[in-house]
Amino acid sequence: MKVVVLCSGGMDSLSALYRAKTEHQVVAALSFNYGSKHNPREIPFAKLHADLLGIRHQVINLDFIDKLFTSALLASGGDIPEGHYQADNMKQTVVPFRNAIMLSIAAGWAESLEAEGLVIAAHSGDHAIYPDCREAFMKAMGEAIKEGTYAGVKLLRPFIAMNKGSIVLEGVKYGVDFGKTYSCYKGGEVHCGKCGTCVERREAFLDAHVIDPTVYLSSEALPSAPIKK
């Protein structure tokens, strides 16, 4: 199947890209520059890996999101919260309806490229905080994309039931160099080690029993997951 892979430059999307390269004909890797604090660090890694795999890399700018939307994740937003990624304060990093916007654009471009599928790396760890990463949303969006394109473009979500530790193992299986990926929401030169996505990254390597190649500013003890009432 001809597919377009949504590829931020983070460890999940690059694992999805490498896996897709073995299962499909990847016609392009697609990144969105929507004004997040970490876009300038992430996107170069998406290009790096696309180039290594001989895949076209395309960046689409969505600067209106940073200008008009409210989120701590954006350059225009406040400080990135620290702590466990399932904690309620991480909701500050939600970019409203982000995946719907990106998938709509990606679907139109995929059909223009005569691709039959879109690959997105949403996974179970995202479900607690991000409503547009949950399977209920993805299933509905997949139906909308299928019905709204002549080609019946399929939304493929290979990691939707996996945790991030399992994705690390997928990446290892398909040859991802995790030292050349970026996650930190703060967007610094070195991963902070304390924001939600750094905590999730650190946990993932521990869960997978894989050596973490990432350099962190802080390697203090990981926070515990919150008890949900």
C-alpha atoms as a PDB file:
ATOM      1  CA  MET A   1       0.000   0.000   0.000  1.00  0.00           C
ATOM      2  CA  LYS A   2       1.228   3.524  -0.765  1.00  0.00           C
ATOM      3  CA  VAL A   3       1.264   5.504   2.494  1.00  0.00           C
ATOM      4  CA  VAL A   4       2.166   8.875   3.959  1.00  0.00           C
ATOM      5  CA  VAL A   5       3.596   8.747   7.486  1.00  0.00           C
ATOM      6  CA  LEU A   6       3.013  11.611   9.908  1.00  0.00           C
ATOM      7  CA  CYS A   7       6.477  12.126  11.348  1.00  0.00           C
ATOM      8  CA  SER A   8       7.281  14.691  14.026  1.00  0.00           C
ATOM      9  CA  GLY A   9      10.850  13.556  14.691  1.00  0.00           C
ATOM     10  CA  GLY A  10       9.963  11.973  18.022  1.00  0.00           C
ATOM     11  CA  MET A  11      10.605   8.361  18.958  1.00  0.00           C
ATOM     12  CA  ASP A  12       7.048   7.142  18.295  1.00  0.00           C
ATOM     13  CA  SER A  13       6.619   8.572  14.817  1.00  0.00           C
ATOM     14  CA  LEU A  14      10.101   7.506  13.736  1.00  0.00           C
ATOM     15  CA  SER A  15       9.408   3.960  14.936  1.00  0.00           C
ATOM     16  CA  ALA A  16       6.212   4.096  12.876  1.00  0.00           C
ATOM     17  CA  LEU A  17       8.168   5.369   9.861  1.00  0.00           C
ATOM     18  CA  TYR A  18      10.735   2.579  10.024  1.00  0.00           C
ATOM     19  CA  ARG A  19       8.028  -0.042  10.492  1.00  0.00           C
ATOM     20  CA  ALA A  20       5.972   1.368   7.626  1.00  0.00           C
ATOM     21  CA  LYS A  21       9.045   1.229   5.369  1.00  0.00           C
ATOM     22  CA  THR A  22       9.058  -2.576   5.780  1.00  0.00           C
ATOM     23  CA  GLU A  23       5.307  -3.044   5.351  1.00  0.00           C
ATOM     24  CA  HIS A  24       4.270  -0.471   2.755  1.00  0.00           C
ATOM     25  CA  GLN A  25       5.505   1.808   0.008  1.00  0.00           C
ATOM     26  CA  VAL A  26       6.153   5.038   1.895  1.00  0.00           C
ATOM     27  CA  VAL A  27       5.740   7.919  -0.546  1.00  0.00           C
ATOM     28  CA  ALA A  28       6.447  10.655   2.003  1.00  0.00           C
ATOM     29  CA  ALA A  29       7.089  11.542   5.635  1.00  0.00           C
ATOM     30  CA  LEU A  30       5.053  14.568   6.699  1.00  0.00           C
ATOM     31  CA  SER A  31       5.928  16.986   9.504  1.00  0.00           C
ATOM     32  CA  PHE A  32       3.897  19.932  10.737  1.00  0.00           C
ATOM     33  CA  ASN A  33       5.484  23.092  12.082  1.00  0.00           C
ATOM     34  CA  TYR A  34       2.662  24.450  14.207  1.00  0.00           C
ATOM     35  CA  GLY A  35       4.700  26.630  16.539  1.00  0.00           C
ATOM     36  CA  SER A  36       5.399  24.242  19.396  1.00  0.00           C
ATOM     37  CA  LYS A  37       8.388  24.930  21.609  1.00  0.00           C
ATOM     38  CA  HIS A  38      10.054  21.718  20.422  1.00  0.00           C
ATOM     39  CA  ASN A  39       9.286  21.858  16.672  1.00  0.00           C
ATOM     40  CA  PRO A  40      12.721  23.370  15.860  1.00  0.00           C
ATOM     41  CA  ARG A  41      14.447  20.443  17.616  1.00  0.00           C
ATOM     42  CA  GLU A  42      12.153  17.664  16.394  1.00  0.00           C
ATOM     43  CA  ILE A  43      11.663  18.365  12.722  1.00  0.00           C
ATOM     44  CA  PRO A  44      15.354  18.156  11.730  1.00  0.00           C
ATOM     45  CA  PHE A  45      15.381  14.577  13.051  1.00  0.00           C
ATOM     46  CA  ALA A  46      12.337  13.736  10.925  1.00  0.00           C
ATOM     47  CA  LYS A  47      14.236  14.994   7.877  1.00  0.00           C
ATOM     48  CA  LEU A  48      17.406  13.175   8.920  1.00  0.00           C
ATOM     49  CA  HIS A  49      15.691   9.795   9.090  1.00  0.00           C
ATOM     50  CA  ALA A  50      13.621  10.359   5.954  1.00  0.00           C
ATOM     51  CA  ASP A  51      16.844  11.138   4.100  1.00  0.00           C
ATOM     52  CA  LEU A  52      18.504   8.014   5.538  1.00  0.00           C
ATOM     53  CA  LEU A  53      15.592   5.916   4.291  1.00  0.00           C
ATOM     54  CA  GLY A  54      15.430   7.644   0.912  1.00  0.00           C
ATOM     55  CA  ILE A  55      11.953   8.996   1.588  1.00  0.00           C
ATOM     56  CA  ARG A  56      10.608  12.409   0.618  1.00  0.00           C
ATOM     57  CA  HIS A  57      10.204  14.711   3.622  1.00  0.00           C
ATOM     58  CA  GLN A  58       7.633  17.496   3.575  1.00  0.00           C
ATOM     59  CA  VAL A  59       7.038  20.200   6.186  1.00  0.00           C
ATOM     60  CA  ILE A  60       3.703  22.034   6.291  1.00  0.00           C
ATOM     61  CA  ASN A  61       3.613  25.256   8.294  1.00  0.00           C
ATOM     62  CA  LEU A  62       0.577  25.876  10.485  1.00  0.00           C
ATOM     63  CA  ASP A  63       1.636  29.104  12.137  1.00  0.00           C
ATOM     64  CA  PHE A  64      -1.971  30.096  12.808  1.00  0.00           C
ATOM     65  CA  ILE A  65      -2.066  27.523  15.620  1.00  0.00           C
ATOM     66  CA  ASP A  66       0.622  29.317  17.616  1.00  0.00           C
ATOM     67  CA  LYS A  67      -1.053  32.665  16.953  1.00  0.00           C
ATOM     68  CA  LEU A  68      -4.655  31.692  17.752  1.00  0.00           C
ATOM     69  CA  PHE A  69      -4.681  28.619  19.990  1.00  0.00           C
ATOM     70  CA  THR A  70      -4.027  28.355  23.727  1.00  0.00           C
ATOM     71  CA  SER A  71      -1.561  25.728  24.963  1.00  0.00           C
ATOM     72  CA  ALA A  72       1.582  25.627  27.073  1.00  0.00           C
ATOM     73  CA  LEU A  73       3.115  23.497  24.324  1.00  0.00           C
ATOM     74  CA  LEU A  74       3.169  26.446  21.937  1.00  0.00           C
ATOM     75  CA  ALA A  75       5.866  29.097  21.737  1.00  0.00           C
ATOM     76  CA  SER A  76       3.176  31.646  22.602  1.00  0.00           C
ATOM     77  CA  GLY A  77       2.106  29.662  25.680  1.00  0.00           C
ATOM     78  CA  GLY A  78       3.274  29.531  29.269  1.00  0.00           C
ATOM     79  CA  ASP A  79       5.798  27.307  31.008  1.00  0.00           C
ATOM     80  CA  ILE A  80       5.775  23.582  30.323  1.00  0.00           C
ATOM     81  CA  PRO A  81       4.580  21.688  33.435  1.00  0.00           C
ATOM     82  CA  GLU A  82       6.760  19.057  35.069  1.00  0.00           C
ATOM     83  CA  GLY A  83       5.736  15.728  36.543  1.00  0.00           C
ATOM     84  CA  HIS A  84       4.146  12.488  35.439  1.00  0.00           C
ATOM     85  CA  TYR A  85       2.616  12.541  31.965  1.00  0.00           C
ATOM     86  CA  GLN A  86      -0.742  11.288  33.262  1.00  0.00           C
ATOM     87  CA  ALA A  87      -1.092  14.084  35.830  1.00  0.00           C
ATOM     88  CA  ASP A  88      -3.921  16.548  35.333  1.00  0.00           C
ATOM     89  CA  ASN A  89      -1.540  19.494  35.008  1.00  0.00           C
ATOM     90  CA  MET A  90      -0.306  17.965  31.726  1.00  0.00           C
ATOM     91  CA  LYS A  91      -3.608  19.016  30.151  1.00  0.00           C
ATOM     92  CA  GLN A  92      -1.934  22.410  29.780  1.00  0.00           C
ATOM     93  CA  THR A  93       0.047  20.862  26.905  1.00  0.00           C
ATOM     94  CA  VAL A  94      -3.039  19.902  24.884  1.00  0.00           C
ATOM     95  CA  VAL A  95      -3.222  21.760  21.573  1.00  0.00           C
ATOM     96  CA  PRO A  96      -6.970  21.865  20.856  1.00  0.00           C
ATOM     97  CA  PHE A  97      -8.043  19.512  18.045  1.00  0.00           C
ATOM     98  CA  ARG A  98      -4.462  19.318  16.754  1.00  0.00           C
ATOM     99  CA  ASN A  99      -4.639  15.817  15.322  1.00  0.00           C
ATOM    100  CA  ALA A 100      -7.916  16.496  13.532  1.00  0.00           C
ATOM    101  CA  ILE A 101      -6.400  19.534  11.811  1.00  0.00           C
ATOM    102  CA  MET A 102      -3.222  17.708  10.854  1.00  0.00           C
ATOM    103  CA  LEU A 103      -4.981  14.557   9.679  1.00  0.00           C
ATOM    104  CA  SER A 104      -7.394  16.565   7.526  1.00  0.00           C
ATOM    105  CA  ILE A 105      -4.503  18.252   5.749  1.00  0.00           C
ATOM    106  CA  ALA A 106      -2.529  15.016   5.532  1.00  0.00           C
ATOM    107  CA  ALA A 107      -5.508  13.204   4.002  1.00  0.00           C
ATOM    108  CA  GLY A 108      -5.856  15.780   1.253  1.00  0.00           C
ATOM    109  CA  TRP A 109      -2.156  15.662   0.477  1.00  0.00           C
ATOM    110  CA  ALA A 110      -2.080  11.855   0.598  1.00  0.00           C
ATOM    111  CA  GLU A 111      -4.870  11.657  -1.954  1.00  0.00           C
ATOM    112  CA  SER A 112      -3.035  14.175  -4.129  1.00  0.00           C
ATOM    113  CA  LEU A 113      -0.007  11.860  -4.025  1.00  0.00           C
ATOM    114  CA  GLU A 114      -2.238   8.890  -4.915  1.00  0.00           C
ATOM    115  CA  ALA A 115      -1.481   7.312  -1.554  1.00  0.00           C
ATOM    116  CA  GLU A 116      -3.940   4.842  -0.090  1.00  0.00           C
ATOM    117  CA  GLY A 117      -3.116   5.234   3.584  1.00  0.00           C
ATOM    118  CA  LEU A 118      -1.983   7.544   6.359  1.00  0.00           C
ATOM    119  CA  VAL A 119       0.122   6.256   9.256  1.00  0.00           C
ATOM    120  CA  ILE A 120      -0.045   7.941  12.656  1.00  0.00           C
ATOM    121  CA  ALA A 121       1.848   6.836  15.780  1.00  0.00           C
ATOM    122  CA  ALA A 122      -0.805   7.601  18.421  1.00  0.00           C
ATOM    123  CA  HIS A 123      -0.472   5.143  21.311  1.00  0.00           C
ATOM    124  CA  SER A 124      -2.135   4.148  24.581  1.00  0.00           C
ATOM    125  CA  GLY A 125       0.081   6.382  26.726  1.00  0.00           C
ATOM    126  CA  ASP A 126      -1.477   9.434  25.076  1.00  0.00           C
ATOM    127  CA  HIS A 127      -5.020   8.435  25.963  1.00  0.00           C
ATOM    128  CA  ALA A 128      -5.117   9.815  29.508  1.00  0.00           C
ATOM    129  CA  ILE A 129      -4.539  13.451  28.531  1.00  0.00           C
ATOM    130  CA  TYR A 130      -5.042  13.859  24.777  1.00  0.00           C
ATOM    131  CA  PRO A 131      -8.607  13.220  23.551  1.00  0.00           C
ATOM    132  CA  ASP A 132      -7.584  13.386  19.879  1.00  0.00           C
ATOM    133  CA  CYS A 133      -5.189  10.452  20.378  1.00  0.00           C
ATOM    134  CA  ARG A 134      -7.837   8.035  21.665  1.00  0.00           C
ATOM    135  CA  GLU A 135      -9.175   5.218  19.541  1.00  0.00           C
ATOM    136  CA  ALA A 136     -12.745   6.554  19.622  1.00  0.00           C
ATOM    137  CA  PHE A 137     -11.496   9.722  17.930  1.00  0.00           C
ATOM    138  CA  MET A 138      -9.134   7.884  15.578  1.00  0.00           C
ATOM    139  CA  LYS A 139     -11.869   5.487  14.483  1.00  0.00           C
ATOM    140  CA  ALA A 140     -14.255   8.369  13.762  1.00  0.00           C
ATOM    141  CA  MET A 141     -11.545  10.361  11.961  1.00  0.00           C
ATOM    142  CA  GLY A 142     -10.577   7.295   9.974  1.00  0.00           C
ATOM    143  CA  GLU A 143     -14.155   6.877   8.807  1.00  0.00           C
ATOM    144  CA  ALA A 144     -14.357  10.558   7.864  1.00  0.00           C
ATOM    145  CA  ILE A 145     -11.125  10.339   5.837  1.00  0.00           C
ATOM    146  CA  LYS A 146     -12.241   7.152   4.124  1.00  0.00           C
ATOM    147  CA  GLU A 147     -15.657   8.575   3.236  1.00  0.00           C
ATOM    148  CA  GLY A 148     -14.255  11.971   2.273  1.00  0.00           C
ATOM    149  CA  THR A 149     -11.691  10.776  -0.277  1.00  0.00           C
ATOM    150  CA  TYR A 150     -12.269   9.155  -3.650  1.00  0.00           C
ATOM    151  CA  ALA A 151      -9.398   6.810  -2.912  1.00  0.00           C
ATOM    152  CA  GLY A 152     -10.921   5.791   0.425  1.00  0.00           C
ATOM    153  CA  VAL A 153      -7.685   6.686   2.202  1.00  0.00           C
ATOM    154  CA  LYS A 154      -7.203   4.486   5.269  1.00  0.00           C
ATOM    155  CA  LEU A 155      -6.007   5.803   8.629  1.00  0.00           C
ATOM    156  CA  LEU A 156      -3.477   3.284   9.926  1.00  0.00           C
ATOM    157  CA  ARG A 157      -2.626   3.413  13.627  1.00  0.00           C
ATOM    158  CA  PRO A 158      -0.274   0.503  14.340  1.00  0.00           C
ATOM    159  CA  PHE A 159       0.581   1.592  17.895  1.00  0.00           C
ATOM    160  CA  ILE A 160      -2.878   2.587  19.143  1.00  0.00           C
ATOM    161  CA  ALA A 161      -3.068  -0.276  21.682  1.00  0.00           C
ATOM    162  CA  MET A 162       0.650  -0.217  22.609  1.00  0.00           C
ATOM    163  CA  ASN A 163       2.412   1.533  25.452  1.00  0.00           C
ATOM    164  CA  LYS A 164       5.590   3.486  24.838  1.00  0.00           C
ATOM    165  CA  GLY A 165       7.819   0.693  26.108  1.00  0.00           C
ATOM    166  CA  SER A 166       6.434  -1.570  23.389  1.00  0.00           C
ATOM    167  CA  ILE A 167       7.111   1.157  20.834  1.00  0.00           C
ATOM    168  CA  VAL A 168      10.758   1.264  21.958  1.00  0.00           C
ATOM    169  CA  LEU A 169      10.960  -2.463  21.205  1.00  0.00           C
ATOM    170  CA  GLU A 170       9.363  -1.852  17.801  1.00  0.00           C
ATOM    171  CA  GLY A 171      11.935   0.825  17.082  1.00  0.00           C
ATOM    172  CA  VAL A 172      14.788  -1.456  18.089  1.00  0.00           C
ATOM    173  CA  LYS A 173      13.357  -4.202  15.894  1.00  0.00           C
ATOM    174  CA  TYR A 174      13.291  -1.949  12.839  1.00  0.00           C
ATOM    175  CA  GLY A 175      16.616  -0.217  13.447  1.00  0.00           C
ATOM    176  CA  VAL A 176      15.738   3.215  14.835  1.00  0.00           C
ATOM    177  CA  ASP A 177      18.640   5.148  16.351  1.00  0.00           C
ATOM    178  CA  PHE A 178      16.839   6.659  19.333  1.00  0.00           C
ATOM    179  CA  GLY A 179      19.823   8.876  20.034  1.00  0.00           C
ATOM    180  CA  LYS A 180      18.728  10.807  16.949  1.00  0.00           C
ATOM    181  CA  THR A 181      15.162  11.523  18.077  1.00  0.00           C
ATOM    182  CA  TYR A 182      13.735  14.339  20.182  1.00  0.00           C
ATOM    183  CA  SER A 183      10.895  14.484  22.707  1.00  0.00           C
ATOM    184  CA  CYS A 184      11.306  17.271  25.289  1.00  0.00           C
ATOM    185  CA  TYR A 185       8.372  19.683  25.315  1.00  0.00           C
ATOM    186  CA  LYS A 186      10.580  22.480  26.649  1.00  0.00           C
ATOM    187  CA  GLY A 187      12.550  22.531  23.413  1.00  0.00           C
ATOM    188  CA  GLY A 188      16.003  22.906  24.924  1.00  0.00           C
ATOM    189  CA  GLU A 189      19.235  21.702  23.392  1.00  0.00           C
ATOM    190  CA  VAL A 190      19.278  18.877  25.959  1.00  0.00           C
ATOM    191  CA  HIS A 191      16.201  16.953  27.149  1.00  0.00           C
ATOM    192  CA  CYS A 192      15.111  18.373  30.513  1.00  0.00           C
ATOM    193  CA  GLY A 193      14.245  14.971  31.999  1.00  0.00           C
ATOM    194  CA  LYS A 194      11.365  16.395  34.060  1.00  0.00           C
ATOM    195  CA  CYS A 195       8.535  17.414  31.720  1.00  0.00           C
ATOM    196  CA  GLY A 196       5.767  14.913  31.016  1.00  0.00           C
ATOM    197  CA  THR A 197       7.147  13.713  27.716  1.00  0.00           C
ATOM    198  CA  CYS A 198      10.685  13.323  29.109  1.00  0.00           C
ATOM    199  CA  VAL A 199       9.284  11.295  32.010  1.00  0.00           C
ATOM    200  CA  GLU A 200       7.358   9.141  29.551  1.00  0.00           C
ATOM    201  CA  ARG A 201      10.479   8.674  27.419  1.00  0.00           C
ATOM    202  CA  ARG A 202      12.592   7.657  30.413  1.00  0.00           C
ATOM    203  CA  GLU A 203       9.907   5.225  31.615  1.00  0.00           C
ATOM    204  CA  ALA A 204       9.637   3.687  28.155  1.00  0.00           C
ATOM    205  CA  PHE A 205      13.272   2.643  27.988  1.00  0.00           C
ATOM    206  CA  LEU A 206      13.112   1.263  31.534  1.00  0.00           C
ATOM    207  CA  ASP A 207       9.951  -0.718  30.733  1.00  0.00           C
ATOM    208  CA  ALA A 208      11.517  -2.075  27.548  1.00  0.00           C
ATOM    209  CA  HIS A 209      14.820  -2.943  29.288  1.00  0.00           C
ATOM    210  CA  VAL A 210      16.643  -1.030  26.560  1.00  0.00           C
ATOM    211  CA  ILE A 211      19.548   1.340  27.241  1.00  0.00           C
ATOM    212  CA  ASP A 212      18.386   4.938  26.909  1.00  0.00           C
ATOM    213  CA  PRO A 213      20.851   6.898  24.732  1.00  0.00           C
ATOM    214  CA  THR A 214      19.296  10.241  25.680  1.00  0.00           C
ATOM    215  CA  VAL A 215      21.194  12.874  27.670  1.00  0.00           C
ATOM    216  CA  TYR A 216      18.968  14.545  30.287  1.00  0.00           C
ATOM    217  CA  LEU A 217      19.600  17.666  32.354  1.00  0.00           C
ATOM    218  CA  SER A 218      17.928  15.908  35.283  1.00  0.00           C
ATOM    219  CA  SER A 219      17.996  12.184  36.021  1.00  0.00           C
ATOM    220  CA  GLU A 220      16.311  12.427  39.414  1.00  0.00           C
ATOM    221  CA  ALA A 221      13.872   9.715  40.451  1.00  0.00           C
ATOM    222  CA  LEU A 222      10.847   9.409  38.170  1.00  0.00           C
ATOM    223  CA  PRO A 223       7.515  10.631  39.611  1.00  0.00           C
ATOM    224  CA  SER A 224       4.821   8.062  40.304  1.00  0.00           C
ATOM    225  CA  ALA A 225       1.694   7.888  38.190  1.00  0.00           C
ATOM    226  CA  PRO A 226      -1.192   9.744  39.841  1.00  0.00           C
ATOM    227  CA  ILE A 227      -3.948   7.743  41.492  1.00  0.00           C
ATOM    228  CA  LYS A 228      -7.123   8.376  39.562  1.00  0.00           C
ATOM    229  CA  LYS A 229     -10.263   8.765  41.666  1.00  0.00           C
END
